Amino acid sequence: MSAVDVPYNDSKSPTMKPHPLLSLLSPVLLLTAAVPAIVLLPAPTLAQTDSTTSRRAESIELNNRGRQLLSLGRAQEALPLFEQALVIVRDIGERQGEGVILNNIGLVYRNLGQYERALEFFEQALAIRTEVGDRPGEGTTLNNIGAVYRNLGQYERALEFYEQALAIRTKVGDRPRPKAWEGDRLSSNCSPI
């Protein structure tokens, strides 16, 4: 695959670092950014935290297994793993992971030649990645949308998305990887994460 992003994993992207003021809040309170205003909620119990951590780890494992299958050209086998991971991240409210997994489902459909379906998932991924401030992820998904339009023979439209992706990637310092790194023909301008 070309221009491979950082996989969905336990490390947070630089844009997702907690604000330094959060350390000043009482441990009994939790700051949530799920709504535009600051909302203080009771901190989750230890059992809730362990359950969420466990489910997040499960979603990461499913996503990573799906990525492996996708990289081996086994898109049809990857799809149910991504779908399971998507259910989990939605259930636990992991928006950044949701954007990653939606992008990967889009890749499955692109690899299967179901371009309209791929666009549906890429557009959902792009909206979430924009919402959570995942600029590198936005660039990746814009690139993938461009690749779909290229596959559809809509070259002018593809160019629009490639230019947007390039602008973001240049701004965040994400450089395309050399062809030697990309591997096989499955890479054709498609970026899993």
Protein backbone atom coordinates (compact mmCIF):
# COMPACT_ATOMS: atom_id res chain seq x y z
CA MET A 1 0.00 0.00 0.00
CA SER A 2 1.29 3.50 -0.71
CA ALA A 3 1.61 6.33 1.76
CA VAL A 4 0.73 4.12 4.70
CA ASP A 5 -0.47 6.11 7.68
CA VAL A 6 0.15 5.33 11.30
CA PRO A 7 -2.13 2.40 12.18
CA TYR A 8 -4.92 2.85 14.64
CA ASN A 9 -3.17 2.04 17.91
CA ASP A 10 -2.78 3.05 21.54
CA SER A 11 -0.63 6.10 20.85
CA LYS A 12 -2.42 9.38 20.36
CA SER A 13 -1.67 11.59 17.38
CA PRO A 14 0.02 14.93 18.11
CA THR A 15 -3.28 16.71 17.48
CA MET A 16 -5.03 14.63 20.12
CA LYS A 17 -2.80 15.44 23.14
CA PRO A 18 -4.73 16.40 26.27
CA HIS A 19 -4.74 20.06 27.18
CA PRO A 20 -2.30 20.89 30.04
CA LEU A 21 -5.15 22.41 32.07
CA LEU A 22 -6.81 19.00 32.34
CA SER A 23 -4.32 18.00 35.02
CA LEU A 24 -5.74 20.76 37.21
CA LEU A 25 -9.22 19.22 37.30
CA SER A 26 -10.33 17.16 40.27
CA PRO A 27 -9.93 13.41 39.69
CA VAL A 28 -13.67 13.05 40.36
CA LEU A 29 -14.47 15.04 37.20
CA LEU A 30 -13.94 14.21 33.57
CA LEU A 31 -13.76 16.78 30.81
CA THR A 32 -15.44 15.67 27.64
CA ALA A 33 -15.07 17.25 24.23
CA ALA A 34 -18.05 15.37 22.80
CA VAL A 35 -20.09 18.59 22.78
CA PRO A 36 -19.03 22.13 21.90
CA ALA A 37 -19.32 23.33 25.49
CA ILE A 38 -17.23 22.01 28.37
CA VAL A 39 -19.22 19.40 30.25
CA LEU A 40 -18.08 17.94 33.56
CA LEU A 41 -19.10 14.37 34.25
CA PRO A 42 -18.32 11.95 37.05
CA ALA A 43 -15.16 9.98 36.37
CA PRO A 44 -15.81 6.42 35.21
CA THR A 45 -15.43 3.66 37.74
CA LEU A 46 -12.38 1.42 37.55
CA ALA A 47 -14.52 -1.37 36.08
CA GLN A 48 -15.83 0.96 33.34
CA THR A 49 -12.30 2.12 32.52
CA ASP A 50 -10.99 -1.45 32.33
CA SER A 51 -13.91 -2.48 30.13
CA THR A 52 -13.41 0.46 27.77
CA THR A 53 -9.66 -0.17 27.62
CA SER A 54 -10.27 -3.84 26.88
CA ARG A 55 -12.81 -3.07 24.15
CA ARG A 56 -10.51 -0.45 22.63
CA ALA A 57 -7.69 -3.01 22.57
CA GLU A 58 -10.04 -5.48 20.89
CA SER A 59 -10.96 -2.91 18.21
CA ILE A 60 -7.28 -2.19 17.59
CA GLU A 61 -6.54 -5.90 17.19
CA LEU A 62 -9.46 -6.37 14.79
CA ASN A 63 -8.38 -3.32 12.77
CA ASN A 64 -4.78 -4.50 12.59
CA ARG A 65 -5.78 -8.01 11.52
CA GLY A 66 -8.02 -6.46 8.86
CA ARG A 67 -5.14 -4.32 7.63
CA GLN A 68 -2.93 -7.40 7.33
CA LEU A 69 -5.54 -9.21 5.27
CA LEU A 70 -6.10 -6.14 3.12
CA SER A 71 -2.37 -5.85 2.45
CA LEU A 72 -2.39 -9.50 1.32
CA GLY A 73 -5.17 -8.77 -1.18
CA ARG A 74 -7.80 -10.53 0.94
CA ALA A 75 -10.23 -7.62 1.13
CA GLN A 76 -13.34 -9.77 1.45
CA GLU A 77 -11.89 -11.45 4.56
CA ALA A 78 -10.84 -8.09 6.03
CA LEU A 79 -14.32 -6.56 5.82
CA PRO A 80 -15.97 -8.41 8.75
CA LEU A 81 -13.00 -7.59 10.99
CA PHE A 82 -13.29 -3.89 10.18
CA GLU A 83 -17.07 -4.04 10.69
CA GLN A 84 -16.62 -5.62 14.14
CA ALA A 85 -14.03 -2.99 15.06
CA LEU A 86 -16.40 -0.25 13.87
CA VAL A 87 -19.19 -1.47 16.15
CA ILE A 88 -16.81 -1.38 19.12
CA VAL A 89 -15.37 2.09 18.50
CA ARG A 90 -18.83 3.51 18.01
CA ASP A 91 -20.01 1.86 21.20
CA ILE A 92 -17.14 3.29 23.27
CA GLY A 93 -17.20 6.69 21.54
CA GLU A 94 -13.70 6.48 20.02
CA ARG A 95 -14.22 8.98 17.19
CA GLN A 96 -10.65 9.00 15.89
CA GLY A 97 -10.67 5.21 15.66
CA GLU A 98 -14.03 5.38 13.92
CA GLY A 99 -12.53 7.61 11.23
CA VAL A 100 -9.61 5.23 10.77
CA ILE A 101 -11.81 2.17 10.46
CA LEU A 102 -14.28 3.85 8.10
CA ASN A 103 -11.32 4.73 5.88
CA ASN A 104 -10.18 1.10 5.95
CA ILE A 105 -13.67 -0.14 5.03
CA GLY A 106 -13.56 2.30 2.12
CA LEU A 107 -10.30 0.67 1.04
CA VAL A 108 -11.96 -2.74 1.10
CA TYR A 109 -14.70 -1.57 -1.23
CA ARG A 110 -12.21 0.22 -3.46
CA ASN A 111 -10.13 -2.95 -3.75
CA LEU A 112 -13.29 -4.91 -4.58
CA GLY A 113 -14.11 -2.42 -7.35
CA GLN A 114 -17.23 -1.15 -5.56
CA TYR A 115 -16.30 2.49 -6.02
CA GLU A 116 -19.57 4.14 -5.06
CA ARG A 117 -19.66 2.17 -1.80
CA ALA A 118 -16.00 3.08 -1.19
CA LEU A 119 -16.84 6.77 -1.59
CA GLU A 120 -19.63 6.47 1.00
CA PHE A 121 -17.17 5.20 3.60
CA PHE A 122 -14.39 7.61 2.66
CA GLU A 123 -16.81 10.54 2.96
CA GLN A 124 -17.87 9.39 6.44
CA ALA A 125 -14.22 8.95 7.42
CA LEU A 126 -13.34 12.41 6.10
CA ALA A 127 -16.14 14.07 8.09
CA ILE A 128 -15.01 12.43 11.33
CA ARG A 129 -11.32 13.06 10.72
CA THR A 130 -12.10 16.72 10.09
CA GLU A 131 -14.27 16.86 13.22
CA VAL A 132 -11.55 15.41 15.49
CA GLY A 133 -8.73 17.43 13.92
CA ASP A 134 -6.87 14.46 12.43
CA ARG A 135 -5.12 16.41 9.67
CA PRO A 136 -2.83 13.58 8.49
CA GLY A 137 -5.89 11.31 8.37
CA GLU A 138 -7.79 13.92 6.35
CA GLY A 139 -4.94 13.95 3.84
CA THR A 140 -4.97 10.18 3.60
CA THR A 141 -8.72 9.98 3.08
CA LEU A 142 -8.70 12.80 0.51
CA ASN A 143 -5.97 10.88 -1.34
CA ASN A 144 -8.10 7.74 -1.24
CA ILE A 145 -11.14 9.62 -2.57
CA GLY A 146 -8.94 10.91 -5.40
CA ALA A 147 -7.89 7.34 -6.18
CA VAL A 148 -11.54 6.26 -6.46
CA TYR A 149 -12.31 9.09 -8.87
CA ARG A 150 -9.22 8.13 -10.87
CA ASN A 151 -10.51 4.55 -11.03
CA LEU A 152 -13.86 5.89 -12.23
CA GLY A 153 -12.09 7.80 -15.01
CA GLN A 154 -13.04 11.16 -13.51
CA TYR A 155 -9.53 12.57 -13.70
CA GLU A 156 -10.33 16.24 -13.07
CA ARG A 157 -12.28 15.33 -9.96
CA ALA A 158 -9.46 13.01 -8.84
CA LEU A 159 -6.97 15.83 -9.28
CA GLU A 160 -9.03 18.10 -7.02
CA PHE A 161 -8.82 15.58 -4.19
CA TYR A 162 -5.15 14.81 -4.81
CA GLU A 163 -4.34 18.53 -4.61
CA GLN A 164 -6.23 18.88 -1.32
CA ALA A 165 -4.43 15.82 0.06
CA LEU A 166 -1.05 17.16 -1.05
CA ALA A 167 -1.71 20.54 0.56
CA ILE A 168 -2.52 18.89 3.90
CA ARG A 169 0.34 16.42 3.72
CA THR A 170 2.78 19.20 2.90
CA LYS A 171 1.48 21.33 5.76
CA VAL A 172 1.73 18.54 8.35
CA GLY A 173 5.07 17.30 7.01
CA ASP A 174 3.77 13.97 5.71
CA ARG A 175 5.76 13.11 2.63
CA PRO A 176 4.72 10.44 0.13
CA ARG A 177 6.88 7.32 0.41
CA PRO A 178 9.11 6.24 -2.48
CA LYS A 179 7.84 3.59 -4.90
CA ALA A 180 10.41 1.07 -3.65
CA TRP A 181 8.74 1.18 -0.24
CA GLU A 182 5.22 0.74 -1.59
CA GLY A 183 5.52 -2.89 -2.57
CA ASP A 184 3.00 -4.40 -4.96
CA ARG A 185 0.38 -2.99 -7.30
CA LEU A 186 -2.24 -2.93 -4.55
CA SER A 187 -0.60 0.29 -3.42
CA SER A 188 -2.01 2.40 -6.24
CA ASN A 189 -2.41 5.65 -4.30
CA CYS A 190 -4.42 4.03 -1.53
CA SER A 191 -3.60 4.64 2.11
CA PRO A 192 -4.78 2.35 4.88
CA ILE A 193 -4.35 3.26 8.47
